N, C-alpha and C. Protein backbone atom coordinates (compact mmCIF):
# COMPACT_ATOMS: atom_id res chain seq x y z
N MET A 1 -16.42 -17.05 -14.03
CA MET A 1 -16.72 -17.37 -13.00
C MET A 1 -17.64 -17.83 -12.63
N ARG A 2 -17.82 -18.94 -11.73
CA ARG A 2 -19.20 -19.30 -10.77
C ARG A 2 -19.43 -18.31 -9.91
N ARG A 3 -20.57 -17.41 -9.49
CA ARG A 3 -20.68 -16.83 -8.43
C ARG A 3 -21.93 -17.86 -7.35
N LEU A 4 -21.71 -17.67 -5.96
CA LEU A 4 -21.89 -18.51 -5.01
C LEU A 4 -23.11 -18.25 -4.97
N GLN A 5 -24.25 -18.67 -4.71
CA GLN A 5 -25.48 -18.01 -4.20
C GLN A 5 -25.36 -17.29 -2.79
N SER A 6 -24.85 -17.97 -2.03
CA SER A 6 -25.12 -16.82 -0.78
C SER A 6 -23.53 -17.02 0.04
N LYS A 7 -22.95 -16.15 0.13
CA LYS A 7 -21.64 -15.87 0.96
C LYS A 7 -21.74 -15.80 2.46
N SER A 8 -20.63 -16.87 2.80
CA SER A 8 -20.85 -17.13 4.17
C SER A 8 -20.29 -16.51 4.94
N PRO A 9 -20.75 -15.73 6.10
CA PRO A 9 -19.87 -14.99 6.83
C PRO A 9 -18.69 -15.35 7.57
N ALA A 10 -18.38 -17.24 7.21
CA ALA A 10 -17.15 -17.57 7.83
C ALA A 10 -16.01 -17.19 7.11
N VAL A 11 -16.69 -17.45 5.63
CA VAL A 11 -15.39 -17.34 4.71
C VAL A 11 -14.73 -15.90 4.91
N LEU A 12 -15.85 -14.87 4.80
CA LEU A 12 -15.64 -13.71 4.91
C LEU A 12 -14.49 -13.04 6.28
N ILE A 13 -14.99 -14.12 7.28
CA ILE A 13 -13.57 -13.85 8.33
C ILE A 13 -12.68 -14.36 8.25
N LEU A 14 -12.50 -15.88 7.57
CA LEU A 14 -11.29 -16.29 7.42
C LEU A 14 -10.58 -15.63 6.20
N LEU A 15 -10.93 -15.14 5.22
CA LEU A 15 -10.47 -14.50 4.05
C LEU A 15 -9.67 -13.16 4.85
N LEU A 16 -10.56 -12.60 5.35
CA LEU A 16 -9.72 -11.20 5.74
C LEU A 16 -8.96 -11.73 6.88
N LEU A 17 -9.01 -12.79 8.12
CA LEU A 17 -7.88 -13.10 8.61
C LEU A 17 -6.44 -13.34 7.84
N ALA A 18 -6.71 -14.37 6.77
CA ALA A 18 -5.72 -14.40 6.15
C ALA A 18 -4.82 -13.30 5.05
N GLY A 19 -5.88 -11.91 4.89
CA GLY A 19 -5.15 -11.23 4.10
C GLY A 19 -4.31 -10.31 5.33
N VAL A 20 -4.88 -10.31 6.61
CA VAL A 20 -3.88 -9.53 7.40
C VAL A 20 -2.66 -10.18 7.88
N VAL A 21 -2.71 -11.37 7.85
CA VAL A 21 -1.79 -12.08 7.99
C VAL A 21 -0.62 -12.45 6.88
N LEU A 22 -1.20 -12.46 5.84
CA LEU A 22 -0.37 -12.49 4.36
C LEU A 22 0.27 -10.80 3.95
N GLY A 23 -0.36 -10.09 4.59
CA GLY A 23 -0.31 -8.73 4.58
C GLY A 23 0.88 -8.33 5.69
N GLY A 24 0.91 -8.93 6.80
CA GLY A 24 1.95 -8.71 7.81
C GLY A 24 2.99 -9.17 7.19
N PHE A 25 3.20 -10.47 7.06
CA PHE A 25 4.29 -10.96 6.28
C PHE A 25 4.90 -10.31 5.41
N ILE A 26 4.17 -9.87 4.65
CA ILE A 26 5.00 -9.30 3.38
C ILE A 26 5.74 -7.48 3.68
N GLY A 27 4.72 -7.09 4.78
CA GLY A 27 5.16 -6.09 5.43
C GLY A 27 6.64 -6.22 5.59
N ASP A 28 6.82 -7.12 6.70
CA ASP A 28 7.67 -7.92 7.46
C ASP A 28 8.92 -7.56 6.83
N TRP A 29 8.87 -8.53 5.69
CA TRP A 29 9.67 -9.23 4.44
C TRP A 29 9.77 -8.07 3.59
N LEU A 30 9.17 -7.16 2.95
CA LEU A 30 9.74 -6.08 2.38
C LEU A 30 10.24 -4.69 2.91
N GLY A 31 9.49 -4.54 4.43
CA GLY A 31 10.15 -3.66 5.36
C GLY A 31 11.18 -3.52 5.69
N ALA A 32 12.34 -5.11 5.38
CA ALA A 32 13.82 -4.97 5.53
C ALA A 32 14.41 -3.74 4.45
N SER A 33 13.79 -3.24 3.12
CA SER A 33 14.24 -2.83 2.52
C SER A 33 14.16 -1.03 2.63
N GLU A 34 14.73 -0.21 2.26
CA GLU A 34 15.17 0.97 2.32
C GLU A 34 13.32 1.75 1.73
N SER A 35 13.28 1.02 0.56
CA SER A 35 12.18 2.14 -0.05
C SER A 35 10.84 1.36 0.03
N PHE A 36 10.65 0.35 0.72
CA PHE A 36 9.23 -0.74 1.26
C PHE A 36 9.42 0.22 2.75
N ARG A 37 10.13 0.41 3.45
CA ARG A 37 10.19 0.78 5.11
C ARG A 37 8.83 1.02 5.60
N TRP A 38 8.01 1.34 4.79
CA TRP A 38 6.87 2.27 5.17
C TRP A 38 5.64 1.11 5.32
N LEU A 39 5.62 0.13 4.65
CA LEU A 39 5.19 -1.00 4.52
C LEU A 39 4.87 -1.40 6.13
N ALA A 40 5.95 -1.67 6.68
CA ALA A 40 6.26 -2.16 8.28
C ALA A 40 5.75 -1.25 9.29
N TYR A 41 5.16 0.05 8.93
CA TYR A 41 4.79 1.19 9.92
C TYR A 41 3.64 0.56 10.63
N GLY A 42 3.83 0.50 11.66
CA GLY A 42 2.65 0.17 12.59
C GLY A 42 2.80 0.47 14.16
N LYS A 43 1.53 -0.16 14.52
CA LYS A 43 1.46 0.66 16.03
C LYS A 43 1.04 -1.08 16.62
N SER A 44 1.67 -1.30 17.87
CA SER A 44 1.19 -2.76 18.69
C SER A 44 0.76 -2.38 19.86
N PHE A 45 -0.27 -2.75 20.27
CA PHE A 45 -1.78 -2.10 21.27
C PHE A 45 -1.83 -3.95 22.02
N GLY A 46 -2.17 -3.65 23.47
CA GLY A 46 -2.55 -4.95 23.95
C GLY A 46 -2.41 -5.01 25.35
N ILE A 47 -2.42 -5.90 25.88
CA ILE A 47 -1.88 -6.31 27.50
C ILE A 47 -1.24 -6.99 27.26
N THR A 48 0.11 -6.28 27.55
CA THR A 48 1.56 -6.81 26.99
C THR A 48 1.75 -7.55 28.06
N SER A 49 1.84 -7.10 29.55
CA SER A 49 2.15 -8.06 30.54
C SER A 49 1.35 -8.89 31.12
N PRO A 50 1.42 -10.30 31.02
CA PRO A 50 0.86 -11.46 31.45
C PRO A 50 0.16 -10.69 32.68
N PHE A 51 -1.23 -11.28 32.53
CA PHE A 51 -2.41 -11.42 33.71
C PHE A 51 -2.39 -12.81 34.19
N THR A 52 -2.14 -13.19 35.58
CA THR A 52 -1.96 -14.26 35.80
C THR A 52 -2.81 -14.91 37.06
N LEU A 53 -3.30 -15.72 37.04
CA LEU A 53 -4.32 -16.35 37.52
C LEU A 53 -3.94 -18.00 38.39
N ASP A 54 -3.46 -17.66 39.62
CA ASP A 54 -3.20 -19.05 40.43
C ASP A 54 -4.21 -19.45 41.13
N LEU A 55 -4.78 -20.86 41.00
CA LEU A 55 -5.37 -21.55 41.39
C LEU A 55 -4.64 -22.70 42.20
N GLY A 56 -3.52 -22.55 42.57
CA GLY A 56 -3.05 -23.80 43.39
C GLY A 56 -2.19 -24.79 42.77
N ILE A 57 -3.05 -25.31 41.98
CA ILE A 57 -3.14 -26.46 40.83
C ILE A 57 -2.16 -26.21 39.63
N ILE A 58 -2.90 -25.34 39.25
CA ILE A 58 -3.25 -25.10 37.79
C ILE A 58 -3.28 -23.33 37.82
N VAL A 59 -1.98 -22.90 36.79
CA VAL A 59 -1.76 -21.46 36.77
C VAL A 59 -2.14 -20.76 35.27
N PHE A 60 -2.90 -19.97 34.97
CA PHE A 60 -3.34 -19.55 33.75
C PHE A 60 -2.56 -17.91 33.88
N GLN A 61 -1.86 -17.92 32.76
CA GLN A 61 -1.48 -16.53 32.27
C GLN A 61 -2.20 -16.00 30.70
N PHE A 62 -2.61 -14.68 31.13
CA PHE A 62 -3.39 -14.05 29.89
C PHE A 62 -2.86 -13.17 29.26
N ALA A 63 -2.73 -12.93 27.95
CA ALA A 63 -1.90 -11.59 27.43
C ALA A 63 -2.19 -11.43 25.99
N LEU A 64 -2.47 -10.77 25.57
CA LEU A 64 -2.45 -10.11 23.92
C LEU A 64 -2.36 -8.86 23.75
N SER A 65 -1.42 -8.84 22.36
CA SER A 65 -1.12 -7.84 21.77
C SER A 65 -1.18 -8.14 20.52
N ILE A 66 -1.73 -6.93 19.98
CA ILE A 66 -1.90 -6.53 18.41
C ILE A 66 -1.40 -5.72 17.95
N ARG A 67 -0.46 -6.05 16.49
CA ARG A 67 0.30 -5.50 15.73
C ARG A 67 -0.35 -4.85 14.50
N LEU A 68 -1.08 -3.88 13.97
CA LEU A 68 -1.13 -3.16 13.18
C LEU A 68 -0.30 -2.50 12.06
N THR A 69 0.10 -2.99 10.80
CA THR A 69 0.84 -2.25 10.15
C THR A 69 0.15 -2.06 8.82
N ILE A 70 0.51 -1.08 7.87
CA ILE A 70 0.00 -0.46 6.62
C ILE A 70 -0.03 -1.77 5.57
N ALA A 71 1.10 -2.47 5.73
CA ALA A 71 0.66 -3.80 4.64
C ALA A 71 -0.16 -4.68 5.05
N GLY A 72 -0.67 -5.01 6.80
CA GLY A 72 -1.39 -5.74 7.18
C GLY A 72 -3.18 -4.92 6.61
N LEU A 73 -2.97 -3.66 7.14
CA LEU A 73 -4.23 -3.42 6.20
C LEU A 73 -4.63 -3.56 4.58
N LEU A 74 -3.50 -3.41 4.23
CA LEU A 74 -3.65 -3.22 2.66
C LEU A 74 -4.03 -4.80 2.17
N GLY A 75 -3.76 -5.90 3.24
CA GLY A 75 -4.04 -7.04 3.10
C GLY A 75 -5.41 -7.40 3.33
N PHE A 76 -6.04 -6.74 4.21
CA PHE A 76 -7.57 -6.42 5.13
C PHE A 76 -8.05 -6.22 3.74
N PHE A 77 -7.86 -4.93 3.19
CA PHE A 77 -8.60 -4.54 2.03
C PHE A 77 -8.82 -5.40 0.78
N ILE A 78 -7.49 -5.68 0.47
CA ILE A 78 -7.73 -6.34 -0.94
C ILE A 78 -8.29 -7.91 -0.31
N ALA A 79 -8.08 -8.38 0.64
CA ALA A 79 -9.18 -9.90 0.81
C ALA A 79 -10.77 -9.24 0.78
N ALA A 80 -10.75 -8.42 1.03
CA ALA A 80 -12.43 -7.41 1.12
C ALA A 80 -12.89 -7.25 -0.24
N LEU A 81 -12.05 -7.43 -0.79
CA LEU A 81 -12.52 -6.84 -2.38
C LEU A 81 -12.54 -8.16 -3.27
N ILE A 82 -11.48 -9.28 -3.00
CA ILE A 82 -11.81 -10.55 -3.05
C ILE A 82 -12.67 -10.91 -2.78
N TYR A 83 -13.29 -11.05 -1.78
CA TYR A 83 -14.51 -11.60 -1.28
C TYR A 83 -15.55 -10.72 -1.87
N LYS A 84 -15.40 -9.61 -2.36
CA LYS A 84 -16.94 -8.91 -2.68
C LYS A 84 -16.99 -9.70 -4.48
N PHE A 85 -16.07 -9.96 -4.95
CA PHE A 85 -16.16 -9.92 -6.26
C PHE A 85 -16.03 -11.88 -6.32
N ILE A 86 -16.03 -12.48 -5.30
CA ILE A 86 -16.18 -14.22 -6.05
C ILE A 86 -17.62 -14.60 -5.15
């Protein structure tokens, strides 16, 4: 396998995001079964009720919610290992 001369931070960020998202999907999918329910265990935090900014003509609503699960964290660490070895 050919190694890259310099690793881009953008590639790292994209790979970590993909790992978290893929891990979250796998956790939701496998979390429905009894033996893998622990993968879907996690915590949600953030601004859940939207903040509203009414400017008369246009209305903006801001909200942010982040859900961390065990499967998402495993995907994060696997993506970091993949980045280390490419």
